[in-house]
Amino acid sequence: MRDVIHRIEAFALRALLAILSPFPMAVRRAVIGWIAGMLVRLPAIGGRATRNLALVWPHMPAPERRALTLAVGRNTGRTLAGVWCNDAMEREFAHLTLDGPGLPVLRAAKAEGRGAILLSGHFGQWEVIRHALRREGMETGAIYRPNNNPHYNPLFRDGLRMAGEPIVPRGPAGLRDLMRHLQAGGFMAFLMDQHVYEGVPIPFLGVPARTSLAPADLALRFDIPLVPCFAPWEAGGLRLIVETPISPSDPETMMRDFNDRLSSWVTRYPSQWHWLHRRWKGQMDGSP
């Protein structure tokens, strides 16, 4: 029965994308955002975001939490539209360039034949960063978690591949490919804002959240820069920001620095982060 449901979900999504394919990217983003905004009204979907918000900002009035949850749903749909239609999104934002103090560091690493690790989160339109890096001659692969729906997974993976390769699944085999890529001077992007069972509890938005130390471990092991990057929607449009690299120290301190930086962006633009994740497993469900 589960496989039938997965097939229906994947078919429905592919049909929607086929219907929208003749339209400009802005229209596709708006339609998918509207659909996601409707779906997040369902308690099974939007309830998790509401509970996350109550955990992080317990004094936020309930009507404000509900309104923010709806905005999160719409923005999540818009962001996923960019992944599913990555080729169209690349054309839409082909004029955008990277900016920030970390950009010269990445250019220098590339010129020296060294690798680099870029850190971001499910915030803003993060995939545009890899498109911009590739235009600068710094193609950047990505780590991804295979989806529970095997019929949807190829669509998601192929969308990621359009922004840069290699696309490496989490797991032992993926880790070997990742290490070979970094050792050969490749760039790799990590989205580091999901719960990881083997992670270390590090504050994120003021609440301890299990965070993987792997990116910092790898940066120290290969002596390569660890650079946070973010793509927020602001009043003037989308911005691509390459922040100052995280100073080498110990892995936990380095990932704490990243959590603090992402927390700052989420606090500034809360509707642009994916509150639908189970980022705080245990705390979110009310257990200690």
Protein backbone atom coordinates (compact mmCIF):
# COMPACT_ATOMS: atom_id res chain seq x y z
CA MET A 1 0.00 0.00 0.00
CA ARG A 2 2.82 2.39 0.86
CA ASP A 3 4.41 1.83 -2.55
CA VAL A 4 1.11 2.67 -4.26
CA ILE A 5 0.88 5.91 -2.31
CA HIS A 6 4.48 6.77 -3.19
CA ARG A 7 3.78 6.14 -6.87
CA ILE A 8 0.68 8.34 -6.80
CA GLU A 9 2.58 11.16 -5.07
CA ALA A 10 5.42 11.03 -7.58
CA PHE A 11 3.03 10.85 -10.55
CA ALA A 12 0.99 13.80 -9.27
CA LEU A 13 4.13 15.92 -8.82
CA ARG A 14 5.48 15.05 -12.27
CA ALA A 15 2.10 15.86 -13.81
CA LEU A 16 2.01 19.23 -12.05
CA LEU A 17 5.53 20.08 -13.22
CA ALA A 18 4.64 19.07 -16.79
CA ILE A 19 1.58 21.33 -16.74
CA LEU A 20 3.64 24.25 -15.43
CA SER A 21 6.64 23.71 -17.72
CA PRO A 22 5.53 26.21 -20.44
CA PHE A 23 5.26 29.02 -17.87
CA PRO A 24 8.01 31.36 -16.60
CA MET A 25 9.78 30.33 -13.41
CA ALA A 26 8.07 33.09 -11.42
CA VAL A 27 4.66 31.59 -12.28
CA ARG A 28 5.76 28.06 -11.41
CA ARG A 29 7.13 29.27 -8.09
CA ALA A 30 3.92 31.12 -7.26
CA VAL A 31 1.65 28.17 -8.11
CA ILE A 32 3.70 25.61 -6.20
CA GLY A 33 4.00 28.02 -3.30
CA TRP A 34 0.23 28.44 -3.21
CA ILE A 35 -0.30 24.66 -3.20
CA ALA A 36 2.24 24.19 -0.41
CA GLY A 37 0.54 26.97 1.54
CA MET A 38 -2.74 25.06 1.31
CA LEU A 39 -1.14 21.75 2.33
CA VAL A 40 0.53 23.26 5.38
CA ARG A 41 -2.95 24.01 6.74
CA LEU A 42 -3.30 20.28 7.36
CA PRO A 43 -2.37 19.52 11.00
CA ALA A 44 -0.24 16.54 9.95
CA ILE A 45 1.98 18.87 7.89
CA GLY A 46 1.75 22.29 9.47
CA GLY A 47 1.55 21.03 13.04
CA ARG A 48 5.26 20.30 13.16
CA ALA A 49 6.14 23.87 12.19
CA THR A 50 3.73 25.24 14.78
CA ARG A 51 5.30 23.06 17.49
CA ASN A 52 8.81 24.08 16.44
CA LEU A 53 7.85 27.74 16.66
CA ALA A 54 6.29 27.21 20.09
CA LEU A 55 9.50 25.55 21.27
CA VAL A 56 11.83 28.27 20.00
CA TRP A 57 9.61 31.29 20.61
CA PRO A 58 7.12 30.19 23.31
CA HIS A 59 5.85 33.74 23.87
CA MET A 60 4.81 34.25 20.25
CA PRO A 61 0.99 34.69 20.14
CA ALA A 62 -0.85 31.73 18.61
CA PRO A 63 -2.33 33.77 15.71
CA GLU A 64 1.17 34.98 14.80
CA ARG A 65 2.46 31.39 14.87
CA ARG A 66 -0.35 30.26 12.56
CA ALA A 67 0.31 33.11 10.13
CA LEU A 68 4.04 32.38 10.13
CA THR A 69 3.38 28.67 9.53
CA LEU A 70 1.35 29.54 6.43
CA ALA A 71 4.15 31.80 5.18
CA VAL A 72 6.65 29.00 5.81
CA GLY A 73 4.52 26.62 3.74
CA ARG A 74 4.37 29.04 0.82
CA ASN A 75 8.10 29.73 0.93
CA THR A 76 8.89 26.02 1.19
CA GLY A 77 6.88 25.42 -1.98
CA ARG A 78 8.69 28.24 -3.77
CA THR A 79 12.06 26.87 -2.71
CA LEU A 80 11.24 23.31 -3.80
CA ALA A 81 10.01 24.67 -7.13
CA GLY A 82 13.56 25.89 -7.65
CA VAL A 83 14.97 22.41 -7.01
CA TRP A 84 12.42 20.64 -9.24
CA CYS A 85 12.87 23.23 -12.02
CA ASN A 86 16.56 23.86 -11.48
CA ASP A 87 17.33 24.49 -15.15
CA ALA A 88 14.66 27.19 -15.41
CA MET A 89 15.78 28.73 -12.12
CA GLU A 90 19.37 28.88 -13.37
CA ARG A 91 18.25 30.92 -16.38
CA GLU A 92 16.10 33.15 -14.20
CA PHE A 93 18.98 34.09 -11.90
CA ALA A 94 21.83 33.95 -14.42
CA HIS A 95 22.50 37.65 -13.76
CA LEU A 96 23.14 37.19 -10.03
CA THR A 97 26.67 37.21 -8.68
CA LEU A 98 28.15 36.12 -5.38
CA ASP A 99 29.23 38.67 -2.82
CA GLY A 100 30.87 38.68 0.59
CA PRO A 101 34.23 38.33 2.35
CA GLY A 102 34.42 34.57 1.79
CA LEU A 103 34.40 34.80 -2.00
CA PRO A 104 38.13 35.66 -2.37
CA VAL A 105 38.91 32.72 -0.08
CA LEU A 106 37.03 30.33 -2.37
CA ARG A 107 38.70 31.78 -5.46
CA ALA A 108 42.11 31.35 -3.85
CA ALA A 109 41.33 27.76 -2.86
CA LYS A 110 40.31 26.99 -6.43
CA ALA A 111 43.42 28.61 -7.87
CA GLU A 112 45.60 26.59 -5.49
CA GLY A 113 43.87 23.33 -6.38
CA ARG A 114 42.47 22.94 -2.87
CA GLY A 115 38.98 21.87 -1.98
CA ALA A 116 36.42 23.78 0.07
CA ILE A 117 33.32 22.99 2.08
CA LEU A 118 30.33 25.32 1.86
CA LEU A 119 27.74 25.28 4.62
CA SER A 120 24.16 26.45 4.36
CA GLY A 121 20.68 25.43 5.46
CA HIS A 122 17.19 24.97 4.09
CA PHE A 123 16.86 28.73 4.00
CA GLY A 124 15.99 31.07 1.16
CA GLN A 125 16.74 29.82 -2.36
CA TRP A 126 19.94 28.00 -1.43
CA GLU A 127 20.42 26.12 -4.72
CA VAL A 128 21.13 29.37 -6.62
CA ILE A 129 24.45 29.58 -4.76
CA ARG A 130 25.78 26.47 -6.53
CA HIS A 131 24.67 27.82 -9.92
CA ALA A 132 26.59 31.03 -9.28
CA LEU A 133 29.66 29.12 -8.14
CA ARG A 134 29.65 27.03 -11.30
CA ARG A 135 29.46 30.18 -13.45
CA GLU A 136 32.63 31.33 -11.68
CA GLY A 137 34.39 28.07 -12.49
CA MET A 138 33.92 26.64 -8.99
CA GLU A 139 31.49 23.79 -9.59
CA THR A 140 30.22 22.52 -6.24
CA GLY A 141 28.71 19.13 -5.51
CA ALA A 142 26.25 18.41 -2.75
CA ILE A 143 25.42 15.87 -0.07
CA TYR A 144 21.79 14.78 0.02
CA ARG A 145 19.61 12.42 2.02
CA PRO A 146 17.70 10.01 -0.24
CA ASN A 147 13.98 10.55 0.10
CA ASN A 148 11.73 7.95 1.69
CA ASN A 149 9.75 7.85 -1.57
CA PRO A 150 11.95 5.98 -4.08
CA HIS A 151 9.79 7.14 -6.99
CA TYR A 152 10.29 10.80 -6.07
CA ASN A 153 13.98 10.46 -5.31
CA PRO A 154 15.23 10.54 -8.96
CA LEU A 155 13.37 13.80 -9.58
CA PHE A 156 14.95 15.43 -6.55
CA ARG A 157 18.43 14.05 -7.25
CA ASP A 158 18.34 15.07 -10.92
CA GLY A 159 17.27 18.58 -9.94
CA LEU A 160 20.24 18.89 -7.58
CA ARG A 161 22.59 17.61 -10.28
CA MET A 162 21.67 20.52 -12.56
CA ALA A 163 23.38 22.93 -10.17
CA GLY A 164 26.65 21.02 -9.87
CA GLU A 165 28.19 17.60 -9.39
CA PRO A 166 28.89 15.22 -7.79
CA ILE A 167 25.63 14.58 -5.93
CA VAL A 168 26.56 12.22 -3.10
CA PRO A 169 24.06 10.32 -0.93
CA ARG A 170 24.59 10.15 2.80
CA GLY A 171 26.07 6.88 3.96
CA PRO A 172 29.36 4.92 3.87
CA ALA A 173 29.57 4.73 0.06
CA GLY A 174 28.78 8.42 -0.24
CA LEU A 175 31.41 9.27 2.37
CA ARG A 176 34.11 7.54 0.34
CA ASP A 177 33.12 9.47 -2.79
CA LEU A 178 33.00 12.70 -0.81
CA MET A 179 36.48 12.26 0.62
CA ARG A 180 37.95 11.42 -2.79
CA HIS A 181 36.32 14.56 -4.24
CA LEU A 182 37.67 16.83 -1.50
CA GLN A 183 41.12 15.26 -1.68
CA ALA A 184 41.18 15.95 -5.42
CA GLY A 185 40.49 19.66 -4.80
CA GLY A 186 36.72 19.60 -5.27
CA PHE A 187 34.12 21.84 -3.64
CA MET A 188 31.19 20.37 -1.70
CA ALA A 189 28.05 21.89 -0.17
CA PHE A 190 26.32 20.69 3.00
CA LEU A 191 22.91 21.74 4.36
CA MET A 192 23.49 21.42 8.09
CA ASP A 193 20.14 22.13 9.72
CA GLN A 194 18.57 18.67 10.11
CA HIS A 195 18.52 16.36 13.11
CA VAL A 196 21.39 13.85 13.10
CA TYR A 197 21.19 10.97 15.59
CA GLU A 198 24.96 10.79 16.04
CA GLY A 199 25.24 14.58 16.24
CA VAL A 200 26.26 16.69 19.21
CA PRO A 201 23.67 18.90 20.98
CA ILE A 202 24.59 22.44 19.96
CA PRO A 203 22.27 25.45 20.40
CA PHE A 204 20.32 26.44 17.32
CA LEU A 205 17.87 29.32 17.76
CA GLY A 206 18.58 29.00 21.48
CA VAL A 207 17.54 25.34 21.78
CA PRO A 208 20.00 22.40 21.77
CA ALA A 209 19.80 20.57 18.44
CA ARG A 210 21.80 17.51 17.44
CA THR A 211 24.29 18.75 14.85
CA SER A 212 26.76 16.77 12.77
CA LEU A 213 30.41 17.68 13.23
CA ALA A 214 31.40 15.99 9.93
CA PRO A 215 31.93 19.16 7.83
CA ALA A 216 34.28 20.66 10.42
CA ASP A 217 36.08 17.33 10.83
CA LEU A 218 36.65 17.16 7.08
CA ALA A 219 37.76 20.79 6.82
CA LEU A 220 40.37 20.21 9.52
CA ARG A 221 41.46 16.87 8.06
CA PHE A 222 42.06 18.25 4.56
CA ASP A 223 43.07 21.76 5.70
CA ILE A 224 40.44 23.45 3.52
CA PRO A 225 38.16 26.44 4.17
CA LEU A 226 34.75 25.98 5.80
CA VAL A 227 32.57 28.75 4.39
CA PRO A 228 28.92 29.57 5.28
CA CYS A 229 26.79 30.77 2.36
CA PHE A 230 23.21 32.02 2.34
CA ALA A 231 20.66 33.09 -0.28
CA PRO A 232 17.95 35.18 1.41
CA TRP A 233 15.09 36.91 -0.35
CA GLU A 234 15.32 40.58 0.56
CA ALA A 235 13.48 43.73 -0.50
CA GLY A 236 15.66 44.14 -3.57
CA GLY A 237 15.36 40.49 -4.60
CA LEU A 238 17.54 37.43 -4.03
CA ARG A 239 21.04 37.92 -2.56
CA LEU A 240 23.92 35.43 -2.66
CA ILE A 241 26.17 35.92 0.35
CA VAL A 242 29.49 34.17 0.98
CA GLU A 243 30.39 34.85 4.60
CA THR A 244 33.76 34.96 6.32
CA PRO A 245 35.14 31.41 6.66
CA ILE A 246 34.78 29.72 10.03
CA SER A 247 38.08 29.85 11.91
CA PRO A 248 39.78 26.46 12.38
CA SER A 249 39.64 25.29 16.00
CA ASP A 250 37.80 22.16 17.15
CA PRO A 251 34.78 20.65 15.31
CA GLU A 252 32.19 21.49 17.97
CA THR A 253 33.26 25.12 18.23
CA MET A 254 33.25 25.45 14.46
CA MET A 255 29.75 24.00 14.07
CA ARG A 256 28.52 26.16 16.92
CA ASP A 257 29.72 29.14 14.91
CA PHE A 258 27.72 27.94 11.92
CA ASN A 259 24.56 27.33 13.99
CA ASP A 260 24.87 30.85 15.38
CA ARG A 261 25.16 32.34 11.91
CA LEU A 262 22.19 30.43 10.52
CA SER A 263 20.19 31.32 13.65
CA SER A 264 20.86 34.98 12.95
CA TRP A 265 19.50 34.70 9.40
CA VAL A 266 16.44 32.71 10.50
CA THR A 267 15.67 35.25 13.23
CA ARG A 268 15.86 37.99 10.62
CA TYR A 269 13.71 36.17 8.02
CA PRO A 270 11.84 33.42 9.91
CA SER A 271 9.45 32.52 7.10
CA GLN A 272 12.37 31.61 4.81
CA TRP A 273 13.55 28.66 6.92
CA HIS A 274 12.12 25.16 6.65
CA TRP A 275 10.36 24.87 10.02
CA LEU A 276 8.71 21.64 8.81
CA HIS A 277 11.81 19.59 9.68
CA ARG A 278 11.99 17.66 12.97
CA ARG A 279 15.05 19.70 13.91
CA TRP A 280 14.58 19.25 17.65
CA LYS A 281 13.48 15.64 18.03
CA GLY A 282 12.53 15.00 21.64
CA GLN A 283 12.14 18.64 22.65
CA MET A 284 9.59 19.19 19.90
CA ASP A 285 7.49 16.27 21.16
CA GLY A 286 7.59 17.53 24.71
CA SER A 287 10.12 15.03 26.11
CA PRO A 288 13.31 16.19 27.83
